[in-house]
Amino acid sequence: MNKDKFHTANSKDRVAIVNELLKREGFDLQKVADALEMNYSTFTKLMQEDDYVYIKRENQYYKFVRDENKIPTISTQTDSEMDYIMKNFPLLKSLIERYKHNCDFIIDKRIFRSTSKISSKNFRMSDDLYQNFIATCENEFPHLKIQDIIAQLLLDFTDKYFNK
């Protein structure tokens, strides 16, 4: 960028350009002024327009705020996110309590190995037992798939009894 374009650019654009130059290895204010073919004192005076200040330890320019009340507060969550949290607060609270007391059913990473071959198997069992199992899964662990819960149960059994 030449000196004339730099002079006519708005202060925000100038700061962005200078900060990018300052990120280069070995660049300081003097080298930036030289790169823009400007006198160092003219360069630093121009950079102070619109209350921008140079922070030496950061080697960057930042906007100076004179009144803390004028600092815009940025919410990290949108209203819809807060609505969702408030709507689902009891469920979220119960999940946190389970986690605290280690009562949650945790699926082992080994179940999701992409290199493993997938098998389909049929099991015979009492319908009452199966319905109770499904109801428990849906009530207590609605965030988990039934097939993943069964796989975890088989893995737990194998870990507990294999080569005992």
C-alpha atoms as a PDB file:
ATOM      1  CA  MET A   1       0.000   0.000   0.000  1.00  0.00           C
ATOM      2  CA  ASN A   2       1.316   3.435  -0.837  1.00  0.00           C
ATOM      3  CA  LYS A   3       1.417   6.493   1.418  1.00  0.00           C
ATOM      4  CA  ASP A   4      -1.499   8.305  -0.280  1.00  0.00           C
ATOM      5  CA  LYS A   5      -3.917   5.345  -0.019  1.00  0.00           C
ATOM      6  CA  PHE A   6      -2.885   4.873   3.594  1.00  0.00           C
ATOM      7  CA  HIS A   7      -3.622   8.555   4.384  1.00  0.00           C
ATOM      8  CA  THR A   8      -7.084   8.393   2.790  1.00  0.00           C
ATOM      9  CA  ALA A   9      -8.120   5.102   4.408  1.00  0.00           C
ATOM     10  CA  ASN A  10     -10.332   5.306   7.474  1.00  0.00           C
ATOM     11  CA  SER A  11      -8.662   4.753  10.849  1.00  0.00           C
ATOM     12  CA  LYS A  12     -10.158   1.280  11.369  1.00  0.00           C
ATOM     13  CA  ASP A  13      -8.757   0.070   8.031  1.00  0.00           C
ATOM     14  CA  ARG A  14      -5.368   1.674   8.775  1.00  0.00           C
ATOM     15  CA  VAL A  15      -5.204  -0.130  12.130  1.00  0.00           C
ATOM     16  CA  ALA A  16      -6.048  -3.444  10.475  1.00  0.00           C
ATOM     17  CA  ILE A  17      -3.301  -2.943   7.870  1.00  0.00           C
ATOM     18  CA  VAL A  18      -0.701  -1.891  10.439  1.00  0.00           C
ATOM     19  CA  ASN A  19      -1.594  -4.682  12.869  1.00  0.00           C
ATOM     20  CA  GLU A  20      -1.125  -7.222  10.065  1.00  0.00           C
ATOM     21  CA  LEU A  21       2.278  -5.733   9.259  1.00  0.00           C
ATOM     22  CA  LEU A  22       3.229  -5.795  12.953  1.00  0.00           C
ATOM     23  CA  LYS A  23       2.472  -9.525  13.096  1.00  0.00           C
ATOM     24  CA  ARG A  24       5.296 -10.188  10.642  1.00  0.00           C
ATOM     25  CA  GLU A  25       8.506 -11.319  12.224  1.00  0.00           C
ATOM     26  CA  GLY A  26      10.904  -8.489  13.006  1.00  0.00           C
ATOM     27  CA  PHE A  27       8.396  -5.711  12.286  1.00  0.00           C
ATOM     28  CA  ASP A  28       8.097  -2.807  14.699  1.00  0.00           C
ATOM     29  CA  LEU A  29       6.567   0.666  14.281  1.00  0.00           C
ATOM     30  CA  GLN A  30       9.683   2.062  12.594  1.00  0.00           C
ATOM     31  CA  LYS A  31       9.765  -0.737  10.018  1.00  0.00           C
ATOM     32  CA  VAL A  32       6.029  -0.313   9.327  1.00  0.00           C
ATOM     33  CA  ALA A  33       6.533   3.434   8.797  1.00  0.00           C
ATOM     34  CA  ASP A  34       9.452   2.659   6.459  1.00  0.00           C
ATOM     35  CA  ALA A  35       7.378   0.077   4.569  1.00  0.00           C
ATOM     36  CA  LEU A  36       4.643   2.687   4.066  1.00  0.00           C
ATOM     37  CA  GLU A  37       7.306   5.244   3.023  1.00  0.00           C
ATOM     38  CA  MET A  38       6.240   7.629   5.778  1.00  0.00           C
ATOM     39  CA  ASN A  39       8.050   9.684   8.346  1.00  0.00           C
ATOM     40  CA  TYR A  40       7.868   7.882  11.719  1.00  0.00           C
ATOM     41  CA  SER A  41       6.345  10.863  13.589  1.00  0.00           C
ATOM     42  CA  THR A  42       3.721  11.438  10.868  1.00  0.00           C
ATOM     43  CA  PHE A  43       2.879   7.745  10.921  1.00  0.00           C
ATOM     44  CA  THR A  44       2.411   7.570  14.718  1.00  0.00           C
ATOM     45  CA  LYS A  45       0.343  10.781  14.765  1.00  0.00           C
ATOM     46  CA  LEU A  46      -1.923   9.442  12.020  1.00  0.00           C
ATOM     47  CA  MET A  47      -2.365   6.162  13.869  1.00  0.00           C
ATOM     48  CA  GLN A  48      -3.647   7.957  16.984  1.00  0.00           C
ATOM     49  CA  GLU A  49      -6.705   9.298  15.171  1.00  0.00           C
ATOM     50  CA  ASP A  50     -10.051   8.076  16.529  1.00  0.00           C
ATOM     51  CA  ASP A  51      -8.433   7.106  19.849  1.00  0.00           C
ATOM     52  CA  TYR A  52      -6.311   4.191  18.720  1.00  0.00           C
ATOM     53  CA  VAL A  53      -3.309   3.438  20.933  1.00  0.00           C
ATOM     54  CA  TYR A  54      -0.268   1.245  20.488  1.00  0.00           C
ATOM     55  CA  ILE A  55       0.288  -1.431  23.154  1.00  0.00           C
ATOM     56  CA  LYS A  56       3.972  -2.299  23.031  1.00  0.00           C
ATOM     57  CA  ARG A  57       3.781  -5.663  24.846  1.00  0.00           C
ATOM     58  CA  GLU A  58       1.144  -6.804  22.321  1.00  0.00           C
ATOM     59  CA  ASN A  59       2.861  -5.047  19.395  1.00  0.00           C
ATOM     60  CA  GLN A  60      -0.610  -4.047  18.167  1.00  0.00           C
ATOM     61  CA  TYR A  61      -2.947  -1.051  17.991  1.00  0.00           C
ATOM     62  CA  TYR A  62      -6.228  -1.116  19.942  1.00  0.00           C
ATOM     63  CA  LYS A  63      -9.186   1.211  20.298  1.00  0.00           C
ATOM     64  CA  PHE A  64      -8.987   3.284  23.494  1.00  0.00           C
ATOM     65  CA  VAL A  65     -12.282   3.582  25.362  1.00  0.00           C
ATOM     66  CA  ARG A  66     -12.577   6.672  27.538  1.00  0.00           C
ATOM     67  CA  ASP A  67     -15.885   5.759  29.192  1.00  0.00           C
ATOM     68  CA  GLU A  68     -16.457   2.185  30.382  1.00  0.00           C
ATOM     69  CA  ASN A  69     -20.228   2.650  30.032  1.00  0.00           C
ATOM     70  CA  LYS A  70     -19.761   3.002  26.279  1.00  0.00           C
ATOM     71  CA  ILE A  71     -18.176  -0.443  25.949  1.00  0.00           C
ATOM     72  CA  PRO A  72     -20.723  -2.577  24.121  1.00  0.00           C
ATOM     73  CA  THR A  73     -21.646  -5.717  25.973  1.00  0.00           C
ATOM     74  CA  ILE A  74     -21.814  -8.723  23.725  1.00  0.00           C
ATOM     75  CA  SER A  75     -23.994 -11.569  24.844  1.00  0.00           C
ATOM     76  CA  THR A  76     -22.383 -14.917  24.159  1.00  0.00           C
ATOM     77  CA  GLN A  77     -25.782 -16.559  23.987  1.00  0.00           C
ATOM     78  CA  THR A  78     -28.694 -15.616  21.822  1.00  0.00           C
ATOM     79  CA  ASP A  79     -32.210 -15.332  23.181  1.00  0.00           C
ATOM     80  CA  SER A  80     -33.185 -18.591  21.526  1.00  0.00           C
ATOM     81  CA  GLU A  81     -30.327 -20.393  23.289  1.00  0.00           C
ATOM     82  CA  MET A  82     -31.388 -18.960  26.628  1.00  0.00           C
ATOM     83  CA  ASP A  83     -35.003 -19.932  25.930  1.00  0.00           C
ATOM     84  CA  TYR A  84     -33.860 -23.477  25.157  1.00  0.00           C
ATOM     85  CA  ILE A  85     -31.826 -23.644  28.360  1.00  0.00           C
ATOM     86  CA  MET A  86     -34.706 -22.322  30.452  1.00  0.00           C
ATOM     87  CA  LYS A  87     -37.190 -24.677  28.790  1.00  0.00           C
ATOM     88  CA  ASN A  88     -34.955 -27.705  29.366  1.00  0.00           C
ATOM     89  CA  PHE A  89     -33.512 -26.639  32.705  1.00  0.00           C
ATOM     90  CA  PRO A  90     -34.943 -29.541  34.745  1.00  0.00           C
ATOM     91  CA  LEU A  91     -33.578 -32.093  32.279  1.00  0.00           C
ATOM     92  CA  LEU A  92     -30.173 -30.402  32.150  1.00  0.00           C
ATOM     93  CA  LYS A  93     -30.089 -30.235  35.930  1.00  0.00           C
ATOM     94  CA  SER A  94     -30.892 -33.953  36.243  1.00  0.00           C
ATOM     95  CA  LEU A  95     -28.145 -34.823  33.726  1.00  0.00           C
ATOM     96  CA  ILE A  96     -25.638 -32.802  35.714  1.00  0.00           C
ATOM     97  CA  GLU A  97     -26.724 -34.453  38.970  1.00  0.00           C
ATOM     98  CA  ARG A  98     -26.329 -37.905  37.416  1.00  0.00           C
ATOM     99  CA  TYR A  99     -22.889 -36.994  36.201  1.00  0.00           C
ATOM    100  CA  LYS A 100     -21.915 -35.693  39.657  1.00  0.00           C
ATOM    101  CA  HIS A 101     -23.004 -38.914  41.324  1.00  0.00           C
ATOM    102  CA  ASN A 102     -21.574 -41.083  38.537  1.00  0.00           C
ATOM    103  CA  CYS A 103     -25.015 -42.569  37.854  1.00  0.00           C
ATOM    104  CA  ASP A 104     -24.988 -41.957  34.139  1.00  0.00           C
ATOM    105  CA  PHE A 105     -24.549 -44.788  31.702  1.00  0.00           C
ATOM    106  CA  ILE A 106     -21.395 -44.016  29.735  1.00  0.00           C
ATOM    107  CA  ILE A 107     -20.756 -45.546  26.326  1.00  0.00           C
ATOM    108  CA  ASP A 108     -17.183 -46.754  25.800  1.00  0.00           C
ATOM    109  CA  LYS A 109     -15.306 -45.357  22.793  1.00  0.00           C
ATOM    110  CA  ARG A 110     -14.498 -48.870  21.603  1.00  0.00           C
ATOM    111  CA  ILE A 111     -18.138 -49.282  20.526  1.00  0.00           C
ATOM    112  CA  PHE A 112     -17.768 -46.581  17.894  1.00  0.00           C
ATOM    113  CA  ARG A 113     -14.592 -47.848  16.217  1.00  0.00           C
ATOM    114  CA  SER A 114     -15.040 -47.312  12.507  1.00  0.00           C
ATOM    115  CA  THR A 115     -12.646 -50.139  11.637  1.00  0.00           C
ATOM    116  CA  SER A 116     -14.772 -52.802  13.302  1.00  0.00           C
ATOM    117  CA  LYS A 117     -17.086 -54.944  11.206  1.00  0.00           C
ATOM    118  CA  ILE A 118     -20.772 -54.535  12.145  1.00  0.00           C
ATOM    119  CA  SER A 119     -22.803 -57.662  12.927  1.00  0.00           C
ATOM    120  CA  SER A 120     -26.552 -58.093  13.255  1.00  0.00           C
ATOM    121  CA  LYS A 121     -27.749 -60.672  15.767  1.00  0.00           C
ATOM    122  CA  ASN A 122     -31.128 -61.898  16.982  1.00  0.00           C
ATOM    123  CA  PHE A 123     -31.816 -62.592  20.651  1.00  0.00           C
ATOM    124  CA  ARG A 124     -34.733 -64.421  22.167  1.00  0.00           C
ATOM    125  CA  MET A 125     -36.009 -63.107  25.479  1.00  0.00           C
ATOM    126  CA  SER A 126     -39.178 -62.506  27.393  1.00  0.00           C
ATOM    127  CA  ASP A 127     -41.265 -59.701  25.924  1.00  0.00           C
ATOM    128  CA  ASP A 128     -41.878 -58.266  29.425  1.00  0.00           C
ATOM    129  CA  LEU A 129     -38.136 -58.094  30.052  1.00  0.00           C
ATOM    130  CA  TYR A 130     -37.537 -56.427  26.698  1.00  0.00           C
ATOM    131  CA  GLN A 131     -40.373 -53.899  27.175  1.00  0.00           C
ATOM    132  CA  ASN A 132     -39.041 -52.996  30.644  1.00  0.00           C
ATOM    133  CA  PHE A 133     -35.574 -52.574  29.158  1.00  0.00           C
ATOM    134  CA  ILE A 134     -36.873 -50.317  26.365  1.00  0.00           C
ATOM    135  CA  ALA A 135     -38.943 -48.240  28.807  1.00  0.00           C
ATOM    136  CA  THR A 136     -35.930 -47.799  31.086  1.00  0.00           C
ATOM    137  CA  CYS A 137     -33.728 -46.772  28.164  1.00  0.00           C
ATOM    138  CA  GLU A 138     -36.268 -44.251  26.894  1.00  0.00           C
ATOM    139  CA  ASN A 139     -36.941 -42.775  30.345  1.00  0.00           C
ATOM    140  CA  GLU A 140     -33.436 -42.747  31.755  1.00  0.00           C
ATOM    141  CA  PHE A 141     -31.225 -42.443  28.686  1.00  0.00           C
ATOM    142  CA  PRO A 142     -33.218 -40.808  25.877  1.00  0.00           C
ATOM    143  CA  HIS A 143     -29.988 -39.373  24.436  1.00  0.00           C
ATOM    144  CA  LEU A 144     -28.555 -42.859  23.739  1.00  0.00           C
ATOM    145  CA  LYS A 145     -29.413 -45.396  21.028  1.00  0.00           C
ATOM    146  CA  ILE A 146     -30.727 -48.787  22.155  1.00  0.00           C
ATOM    147  CA  GLN A 147     -28.120 -50.590  20.028  1.00  0.00           C
ATOM    148  CA  ASP A 148     -25.324 -48.625  21.728  1.00  0.00           C
ATOM    149  CA  ILE A 149     -26.682 -49.473  25.193  1.00  0.00           C
ATOM    150  CA  ILE A 150     -26.843 -53.176  24.320  1.00  0.00           C
ATOM    151  CA  ALA A 151     -23.313 -53.039  22.898  1.00  0.00           C
ATOM    152  CA  GLN A 152     -22.092 -51.372  26.105  1.00  0.00           C
ATOM    153  CA  LEU A 153     -23.793 -54.044  28.231  1.00  0.00           C
ATOM    154  CA  LEU A 154     -22.076 -56.782  26.202  1.00  0.00           C
ATOM    155  CA  LEU A 155     -18.748 -54.990  26.516  1.00  0.00           C
ATOM    156  CA  ASP A 156     -19.171 -54.590  30.295  1.00  0.00           C
ATOM    157  CA  PHE A 157     -19.996 -58.303  30.625  1.00  0.00           C
ATOM    158  CA  THR A 158     -16.966 -59.282  28.543  1.00  0.00           C
ATOM    159  CA  ASP A 159     -14.625 -56.968  30.486  1.00  0.00           C
ATOM    160  CA  LYS A 160     -15.886 -58.353  33.775  1.00  0.00           C
ATOM    161  CA  TYR A 161     -15.814 -62.082  32.997  1.00  0.00           C
ATOM    162  CA  PHE A 162     -13.314 -62.657  30.184  1.00  0.00           C
ATOM    163  CA  ASN A 163     -10.209 -64.599  31.392  1.00  0.00           C
ATOM    164  CA  LYS A 164     -11.260 -64.316  34.997  1.00  0.00           C
END
